N, C-alpha and C. Protein backbone atom coordinates (compact mmCIF):
# COMPACT_ATOMS: atom_id res chain seq x y z
N MET A 1 39.80 -59.71 8.42
CA MET A 1 39.08 -60.94 8.65
C MET A 1 37.58 -60.61 8.67
N SER A 2 36.80 -61.39 7.97
CA SER A 2 35.38 -61.07 7.83
C SER A 2 34.52 -61.54 9.00
N GLY A 3 35.01 -62.42 9.85
CA GLY A 3 34.22 -62.90 10.97
C GLY A 3 35.07 -63.08 12.21
N SER A 4 34.42 -63.39 13.31
CA SER A 4 35.13 -63.60 14.56
C SER A 4 35.39 -65.09 14.74
N LEU A 5 36.61 -65.44 15.03
CA LEU A 5 37.01 -66.82 15.27
C LEU A 5 37.48 -66.91 16.71
N VAL A 6 36.82 -67.78 17.51
CA VAL A 6 37.06 -67.79 18.94
C VAL A 6 37.30 -69.21 19.43
N SER A 7 38.29 -69.37 20.29
CA SER A 7 38.52 -70.62 21.02
C SER A 7 38.71 -70.22 22.46
N ASN A 8 37.62 -70.26 23.22
CA ASN A 8 37.64 -69.76 24.59
C ASN A 8 36.89 -70.75 25.48
N HIS A 9 37.63 -71.63 26.14
CA HIS A 9 37.04 -72.67 26.99
C HIS A 9 37.20 -72.26 28.46
N VAL A 10 36.13 -72.42 29.22
CA VAL A 10 36.13 -71.98 30.61
C VAL A 10 35.60 -73.08 31.52
N HIS A 11 36.33 -73.33 32.58
CA HIS A 11 35.94 -74.27 33.64
C HIS A 11 35.35 -73.43 34.77
N ILE A 12 34.05 -73.61 35.00
CA ILE A 12 33.32 -72.83 36.00
C ILE A 12 33.06 -73.72 37.21
N VAL A 13 33.25 -73.16 38.40
CA VAL A 13 33.04 -73.91 39.63
C VAL A 13 32.28 -73.03 40.61
N PHE A 14 31.22 -73.59 41.21
CA PHE A 14 30.53 -72.88 42.28
C PHE A 14 29.88 -73.89 43.22
N SER A 15 29.62 -73.43 44.43
CA SER A 15 29.09 -74.35 45.44
C SER A 15 27.75 -73.87 45.97
N THR A 16 27.13 -74.73 46.73
CA THR A 16 25.93 -74.35 47.44
C THR A 16 26.32 -73.36 48.54
N ARG A 17 25.37 -72.61 49.02
CA ARG A 17 25.64 -71.64 50.08
C ARG A 17 26.21 -72.37 51.30
N LYS A 18 27.33 -71.90 51.78
CA LYS A 18 28.05 -72.47 52.91
C LYS A 18 28.44 -73.92 52.68
N ARG A 19 28.50 -74.30 51.39
CA ARG A 19 28.86 -75.65 50.99
C ARG A 19 27.99 -76.71 51.65
N ALA A 20 26.74 -76.34 51.87
CA ALA A 20 25.77 -77.29 52.45
C ALA A 20 25.52 -78.42 51.45
N GLU A 21 25.39 -79.62 51.93
CA GLU A 21 25.19 -80.79 51.07
C GLU A 21 23.71 -80.93 50.73
N LEU A 22 23.29 -80.17 49.73
CA LEU A 22 21.87 -80.06 49.37
C LEU A 22 21.49 -80.74 48.07
N ILE A 23 22.47 -81.12 47.27
CA ILE A 23 22.17 -81.71 45.97
C ILE A 23 22.11 -83.23 46.13
N ARG A 24 20.92 -83.75 46.11
CA ARG A 24 20.74 -85.20 46.25
C ARG A 24 21.09 -85.88 44.94
N SER A 25 21.59 -87.10 45.04
CA SER A 25 21.99 -87.84 43.84
C SER A 25 20.82 -88.05 42.89
N ASP A 26 19.60 -88.20 43.43
CA ASP A 26 18.45 -88.40 42.55
C ASP A 26 18.00 -87.11 41.85
N HIS A 27 18.58 -85.97 42.23
CA HIS A 27 18.29 -84.70 41.57
C HIS A 27 19.40 -84.28 40.59
N MET A 28 20.54 -84.95 40.64
CA MET A 28 21.70 -84.51 39.87
C MET A 28 21.41 -84.44 38.37
N GLN A 29 20.81 -85.45 37.80
CA GLN A 29 20.56 -85.44 36.35
C GLN A 29 19.61 -84.32 35.95
N ALA A 30 18.61 -84.05 36.77
CA ALA A 30 17.68 -82.96 36.46
C ALA A 30 18.38 -81.60 36.56
N ILE A 31 19.25 -81.44 37.52
CA ILE A 31 20.01 -80.19 37.66
C ILE A 31 20.93 -80.01 36.45
N ILE A 32 21.60 -81.07 36.06
CA ILE A 32 22.48 -81.00 34.88
C ILE A 32 21.67 -80.64 33.64
N ALA A 33 20.50 -81.24 33.48
CA ALA A 33 19.65 -80.93 32.32
C ALA A 33 19.24 -79.46 32.32
N GLN A 34 18.91 -78.91 33.49
CA GLN A 34 18.57 -77.49 33.60
C GLN A 34 19.75 -76.63 33.17
N MET A 35 20.94 -76.99 33.64
CA MET A 35 22.14 -76.22 33.30
C MET A 35 22.39 -76.24 31.80
N VAL A 36 22.30 -77.42 31.20
CA VAL A 36 22.52 -77.54 29.75
C VAL A 36 21.51 -76.68 28.99
N ASP A 37 20.24 -76.73 29.39
CA ASP A 37 19.21 -75.92 28.72
C ASP A 37 19.56 -74.44 28.74
N VAL A 38 19.97 -73.95 29.89
CA VAL A 38 20.31 -72.52 30.02
C VAL A 38 21.52 -72.17 29.16
N ILE A 39 22.56 -72.98 29.25
CA ILE A 39 23.80 -72.68 28.54
C ILE A 39 23.60 -72.74 27.03
N GLU A 40 22.79 -73.69 26.58
CA GLU A 40 22.55 -73.80 25.14
C GLU A 40 21.79 -72.59 24.59
N LYS A 41 21.00 -71.92 25.41
CA LYS A 41 20.33 -70.69 24.96
C LYS A 41 21.33 -69.59 24.63
N TYR A 42 22.50 -69.68 25.22
CA TYR A 42 23.58 -68.73 24.92
C TYR A 42 24.45 -69.19 23.75
N HIS A 43 24.12 -70.33 23.17
CA HIS A 43 24.87 -70.90 22.05
C HIS A 43 26.33 -71.17 22.42
N CYS A 44 26.50 -71.63 23.65
CA CYS A 44 27.83 -72.01 24.13
C CYS A 44 27.85 -73.53 24.31
N PRO A 45 28.67 -74.23 23.55
CA PRO A 45 28.71 -75.68 23.70
C PRO A 45 29.12 -76.12 25.11
N VAL A 46 28.38 -77.07 25.65
CA VAL A 46 28.70 -77.65 26.96
C VAL A 46 29.62 -78.84 26.72
N ARG A 47 30.77 -78.82 27.32
CA ARG A 47 31.74 -79.90 27.15
C ARG A 47 31.63 -80.94 28.26
N ALA A 48 31.34 -80.49 29.49
CA ALA A 48 31.20 -81.41 30.62
C ALA A 48 30.51 -80.70 31.78
N ILE A 49 29.72 -81.47 32.52
CA ILE A 49 29.13 -80.98 33.76
C ILE A 49 29.19 -82.12 34.76
N GLY A 50 29.57 -81.80 35.97
CA GLY A 50 29.60 -82.80 37.04
C GLY A 50 29.66 -82.11 38.37
N GLY A 51 29.43 -82.87 39.40
CA GLY A 51 29.48 -82.27 40.72
C GLY A 51 29.20 -83.28 41.82
N THR A 52 29.02 -82.75 43.00
CA THR A 52 28.72 -83.56 44.17
C THR A 52 27.54 -82.91 44.90
N SER A 53 27.35 -83.31 46.11
CA SER A 53 26.21 -82.81 46.89
C SER A 53 26.32 -81.34 47.25
N ASN A 54 27.52 -80.74 47.09
CA ASN A 54 27.65 -79.34 47.50
C ASN A 54 28.31 -78.41 46.48
N HIS A 55 28.59 -78.90 45.28
CA HIS A 55 29.17 -78.00 44.28
C HIS A 55 29.06 -78.61 42.88
N MET A 56 29.27 -77.74 41.89
CA MET A 56 29.19 -78.14 40.49
C MET A 56 30.39 -77.60 39.71
N HIS A 57 30.76 -78.35 38.69
CA HIS A 57 31.79 -77.96 37.72
C HIS A 57 31.13 -77.95 36.35
N ILE A 58 31.41 -76.94 35.55
CA ILE A 58 30.89 -76.85 34.19
C ILE A 58 32.04 -76.43 33.29
N LEU A 59 32.20 -77.15 32.18
CA LEU A 59 33.19 -76.77 31.17
C LEU A 59 32.42 -76.39 29.91
N ILE A 60 32.58 -75.15 29.50
CA ILE A 60 31.89 -74.67 28.30
C ILE A 60 32.87 -73.98 27.37
N SER A 61 32.43 -73.85 26.12
CA SER A 61 33.17 -73.05 25.14
C SER A 61 32.36 -71.79 24.92
N LEU A 62 32.93 -70.66 25.29
CA LEU A 62 32.23 -69.39 25.13
C LEU A 62 32.31 -68.93 23.68
N ASN A 63 31.20 -68.44 23.17
CA ASN A 63 31.23 -67.84 21.83
C ASN A 63 31.63 -66.37 21.97
N GLN A 64 31.79 -65.71 20.85
CA GLN A 64 32.31 -64.33 20.87
C GLN A 64 31.36 -63.31 21.49
N GLU A 65 30.10 -63.66 21.65
CA GLU A 65 29.13 -62.70 22.19
C GLU A 65 28.68 -63.03 23.61
N CYS A 66 29.16 -64.10 24.15
CA CYS A 66 28.67 -64.60 25.43
C CYS A 66 29.35 -63.90 26.61
N ARG A 67 28.54 -63.50 27.58
CA ARG A 67 29.06 -62.92 28.82
C ARG A 67 28.98 -63.98 29.91
N LEU A 68 30.13 -64.39 30.39
CA LEU A 68 30.21 -65.48 31.37
C LEU A 68 29.35 -65.22 32.60
N SER A 69 29.37 -64.00 33.11
CA SER A 69 28.60 -63.70 34.31
C SER A 69 27.10 -63.91 34.10
N TYR A 70 26.62 -63.65 32.89
CA TYR A 70 25.20 -63.87 32.60
C TYR A 70 24.88 -65.36 32.56
N VAL A 71 25.77 -66.14 31.96
CA VAL A 71 25.57 -67.58 31.90
C VAL A 71 25.48 -68.16 33.32
N VAL A 72 26.45 -67.83 34.15
CA VAL A 72 26.48 -68.36 35.52
C VAL A 72 25.25 -67.90 36.29
N ARG A 73 24.90 -66.64 36.18
CA ARG A 73 23.72 -66.13 36.86
C ARG A 73 22.47 -66.91 36.47
N ASP A 74 22.27 -67.08 35.17
CA ASP A 74 21.06 -67.74 34.69
C ASP A 74 21.03 -69.23 35.04
N VAL A 75 22.19 -69.87 35.04
CA VAL A 75 22.28 -71.27 35.47
C VAL A 75 21.86 -71.40 36.93
N LYS A 76 22.38 -70.51 37.76
CA LYS A 76 22.05 -70.56 39.19
C LYS A 76 20.57 -70.27 39.43
N VAL A 77 20.02 -69.29 38.74
CA VAL A 77 18.61 -68.94 38.91
C VAL A 77 17.72 -70.11 38.51
N ALA A 78 17.98 -70.70 37.35
CA ALA A 78 17.14 -71.80 36.86
C ALA A 78 17.20 -73.01 37.78
N THR A 79 18.39 -73.37 38.21
CA THR A 79 18.51 -74.56 39.06
C THR A 79 17.97 -74.30 40.46
N SER A 80 18.17 -73.12 40.98
CA SER A 80 17.58 -72.79 42.29
C SER A 80 16.06 -72.84 42.22
N HIS A 81 15.51 -72.30 41.15
CA HIS A 81 14.06 -72.31 40.96
C HIS A 81 13.55 -73.75 40.91
N TRP A 82 14.23 -74.61 40.17
CA TRP A 82 13.83 -76.00 40.06
C TRP A 82 13.89 -76.70 41.43
N MET A 83 14.96 -76.44 42.18
CA MET A 83 15.09 -77.05 43.51
C MET A 83 13.97 -76.58 44.44
N HIS A 84 13.60 -75.31 44.36
CA HIS A 84 12.50 -74.79 45.17
C HIS A 84 11.19 -75.46 44.78
N GLU A 85 11.01 -75.72 43.48
CA GLU A 85 9.81 -76.42 43.03
C GLU A 85 9.73 -77.84 43.59
N GLN A 86 10.88 -78.40 43.93
CA GLN A 86 10.93 -79.74 44.53
C GLN A 86 10.69 -79.68 46.04
N GLY A 87 10.43 -78.47 46.55
CA GLY A 87 10.16 -78.30 47.97
C GLY A 87 11.41 -78.18 48.83
N LEU A 88 12.53 -77.88 48.22
CA LEU A 88 13.78 -77.79 48.96
C LEU A 88 14.18 -76.34 49.19
N ASN A 89 14.70 -76.06 50.36
CA ASN A 89 15.26 -74.75 50.66
C ASN A 89 16.69 -74.78 50.13
N PHE A 90 16.92 -74.14 49.00
CA PHE A 90 18.18 -74.27 48.28
C PHE A 90 18.72 -72.92 47.88
N GLU A 91 20.05 -72.79 47.95
CA GLU A 91 20.69 -71.54 47.54
C GLU A 91 22.13 -71.82 47.13
N TRP A 92 22.57 -71.21 46.03
CA TRP A 92 23.96 -71.27 45.62
C TRP A 92 24.75 -70.18 46.33
N GLN A 93 26.06 -70.34 46.40
CA GLN A 93 26.93 -69.27 46.91
C GLN A 93 26.83 -68.09 45.96
N ALA A 94 27.21 -66.93 46.42
CA ALA A 94 27.09 -65.72 45.60
C ALA A 94 28.07 -65.72 44.43
N GLY A 95 29.27 -66.18 44.62
CA GLY A 95 30.29 -66.07 43.59
C GLY A 95 30.53 -67.37 42.85
N TYR A 96 31.62 -67.37 42.10
CA TYR A 96 32.02 -68.55 41.35
C TYR A 96 33.49 -68.41 40.97
N GLY A 97 34.08 -69.53 40.58
CA GLY A 97 35.43 -69.52 40.02
C GLY A 97 35.33 -69.81 38.54
N ALA A 98 36.16 -69.17 37.75
CA ALA A 98 36.20 -69.41 36.31
C ALA A 98 37.67 -69.48 35.89
N PHE A 99 38.01 -70.57 35.24
CA PHE A 99 39.40 -70.84 34.90
C PHE A 99 39.50 -71.14 33.41
N SER A 100 40.39 -70.46 32.72
CA SER A 100 40.56 -70.71 31.29
C SER A 100 41.22 -72.07 31.08
N VAL A 101 40.81 -72.73 30.00
CA VAL A 101 41.32 -74.06 29.69
C VAL A 101 41.82 -74.04 28.25
N GLY A 102 43.06 -74.44 28.07
CA GLY A 102 43.62 -74.50 26.73
C GLY A 102 43.11 -75.71 25.96
N GLN A 103 43.21 -75.64 24.66
CA GLN A 103 42.74 -76.72 23.78
C GLN A 103 43.34 -78.07 24.18
N ARG A 104 44.60 -78.08 24.52
CA ARG A 104 45.29 -79.33 24.89
C ARG A 104 44.83 -79.89 26.23
N GLU A 105 44.24 -79.06 27.07
CA GLU A 105 43.81 -79.50 28.40
C GLU A 105 42.35 -79.94 28.45
N LEU A 106 41.62 -79.80 27.35
CA LEU A 106 40.18 -80.09 27.35
C LEU A 106 39.86 -81.51 27.80
N GLY A 107 40.57 -82.49 27.30
CA GLY A 107 40.32 -83.88 27.68
C GLY A 107 40.58 -84.12 29.15
N LEU A 108 41.66 -83.58 29.66
CA LEU A 108 42.02 -83.73 31.07
C LEU A 108 40.95 -83.11 31.97
N VAL A 109 40.54 -81.89 31.66
CA VAL A 109 39.54 -81.20 32.48
C VAL A 109 38.19 -81.89 32.37
N THR A 110 37.83 -82.36 31.19
CA THR A 110 36.58 -83.09 31.00
C THR A 110 36.55 -84.34 31.88
N ASN A 111 37.62 -85.12 31.86
CA ASN A 111 37.70 -86.32 32.69
C ASN A 111 37.66 -85.98 34.17
N TYR A 112 38.32 -84.90 34.55
CA TYR A 112 38.31 -84.45 35.95
C TYR A 112 36.89 -84.13 36.40
N ILE A 113 36.16 -83.41 35.58
CA ILE A 113 34.79 -83.02 35.93
C ILE A 113 33.89 -84.25 36.04
N ARG A 114 34.05 -85.18 35.15
CA ARG A 114 33.20 -86.38 35.15
C ARG A 114 33.52 -87.34 36.29
N ALA A 115 34.67 -87.18 36.93
CA ALA A 115 35.08 -88.09 38.01
C ALA A 115 35.02 -87.41 39.38
N GLN A 116 34.08 -86.52 39.58
CA GLN A 116 34.00 -85.78 40.84
C GLN A 116 33.80 -86.68 42.06
N ASP A 117 32.96 -87.70 41.95
CA ASP A 117 32.74 -88.59 43.10
C ASP A 117 34.03 -89.26 43.54
N ILE A 118 34.81 -89.70 42.58
CA ILE A 118 36.09 -90.35 42.90
C ILE A 118 37.05 -89.35 43.52
N HIS A 119 37.14 -88.18 42.90
CA HIS A 119 38.06 -87.14 43.38
C HIS A 119 37.73 -86.72 44.81
N HIS A 120 36.44 -86.57 45.09
CA HIS A 120 36.06 -86.06 46.41
C HIS A 120 36.00 -87.11 47.49
N ALA A 121 36.38 -88.31 47.17
CA ALA A 121 36.60 -89.31 48.20
C ALA A 121 37.91 -88.99 48.94
N ARG A 122 38.76 -88.19 48.29
CA ARG A 122 40.07 -87.85 48.87
C ARG A 122 40.19 -86.39 49.32
N PHE A 123 39.45 -85.47 48.68
CA PHE A 123 39.60 -84.05 48.94
C PHE A 123 38.24 -83.39 49.17
N THR A 124 38.20 -82.40 50.04
CA THR A 124 36.98 -81.61 50.22
C THR A 124 36.88 -80.58 49.11
N PHE A 125 35.71 -79.99 48.95
CA PHE A 125 35.55 -78.93 47.97
C PHE A 125 36.49 -77.77 48.29
N ASP A 126 36.58 -77.39 49.57
CA ASP A 126 37.44 -76.27 49.95
C ASP A 126 38.89 -76.52 49.52
N GLU A 127 39.39 -77.73 49.78
CA GLU A 127 40.76 -78.08 49.39
C GLU A 127 40.92 -78.03 47.86
N GLU A 128 39.94 -78.57 47.16
CA GLU A 128 39.98 -78.57 45.71
C GLU A 128 40.00 -77.15 45.15
N PHE A 129 39.13 -76.29 45.65
CA PHE A 129 39.02 -74.94 45.11
C PHE A 129 40.28 -74.13 45.38
N ILE A 130 40.84 -74.24 46.57
CA ILE A 130 42.09 -73.54 46.90
C ILE A 130 43.20 -74.03 45.96
N LYS A 131 43.25 -75.32 45.71
CA LYS A 131 44.25 -75.87 44.79
C LYS A 131 44.07 -75.30 43.38
N MET A 132 42.83 -75.17 42.93
CA MET A 132 42.56 -74.61 41.61
C MET A 132 43.00 -73.15 41.54
N LEU A 133 42.73 -72.39 42.58
CA LEU A 133 43.15 -70.98 42.61
C LEU A 133 44.67 -70.87 42.54
N ARG A 134 45.35 -71.70 43.31
CA ARG A 134 46.81 -71.67 43.30
C ARG A 134 47.37 -72.09 41.93
N HIS A 135 46.79 -73.13 41.36
CA HIS A 135 47.24 -73.60 40.04
C HIS A 135 47.08 -72.50 38.99
N ALA A 136 46.00 -71.74 39.08
CA ALA A 136 45.75 -70.65 38.14
C ALA A 136 46.50 -69.37 38.51
N GLN A 137 47.24 -69.42 39.60
CA GLN A 137 48.01 -68.28 40.09
C GLN A 137 47.13 -67.06 40.33
N ILE A 138 45.98 -67.30 40.94
CA ILE A 138 45.07 -66.23 41.30
C ILE A 138 45.36 -65.82 42.73
N ASP A 139 45.64 -64.53 42.93
CA ASP A 139 45.85 -64.02 44.28
C ASP A 139 44.53 -64.03 45.03
N PHE A 140 44.54 -64.50 46.27
CA PHE A 140 43.32 -64.56 47.06
C PHE A 140 43.66 -64.51 48.53
N ASN A 141 42.70 -64.08 49.31
CA ASN A 141 42.81 -64.09 50.76
C ASN A 141 41.92 -65.24 51.24
N PRO A 142 42.51 -66.29 51.84
CA PRO A 142 41.72 -67.45 52.27
C PRO A 142 40.53 -67.08 53.17
N GLU A 143 40.66 -65.95 53.86
CA GLU A 143 39.59 -65.50 54.74
C GLU A 143 38.31 -65.17 53.98
N TYR A 144 38.46 -64.75 52.73
CA TYR A 144 37.31 -64.26 51.97
C TYR A 144 36.88 -65.15 50.80
N VAL A 145 37.59 -66.24 50.56
CA VAL A 145 37.27 -67.08 49.41
C VAL A 145 35.87 -67.67 49.50
N PHE A 146 35.48 -68.14 50.66
CA PHE A 146 34.21 -68.85 50.79
C PHE A 146 33.09 -68.03 51.41
N GLY A 147 33.37 -66.83 51.79
CA GLY A 147 32.33 -65.92 52.28
C GLY A 147 31.78 -66.23 53.62
């Protein structure tokens, strides 16, 4: 084969430090724009971004040269910097969750990400994240998931 052919979709989830409710609704669009700018520099198509006052979900398609940890790091740095420029004391949690998404699940995950406000009327971020870990069959110690 003369080139690399890749279909690698990843659902990324991370929260503010200690899940503090620091993301104001009037800042959400600017934060999303910052995230898109960073991710596009990696040439990874952004499929969906959404979140609430204490966490964000991002669905991207990784290209063959993209390192997920670099994308997440740079997204967090850019958005934290922007929040500090707004005069806010802001910090993301140290880690993140990353879940592979099959081609058939893209629509479902996209809709899920876009409906975060509705979803979180019923569930907390902690409940949601634990459910995602279990669904992905990731072994974890609840004591250490949130730091």
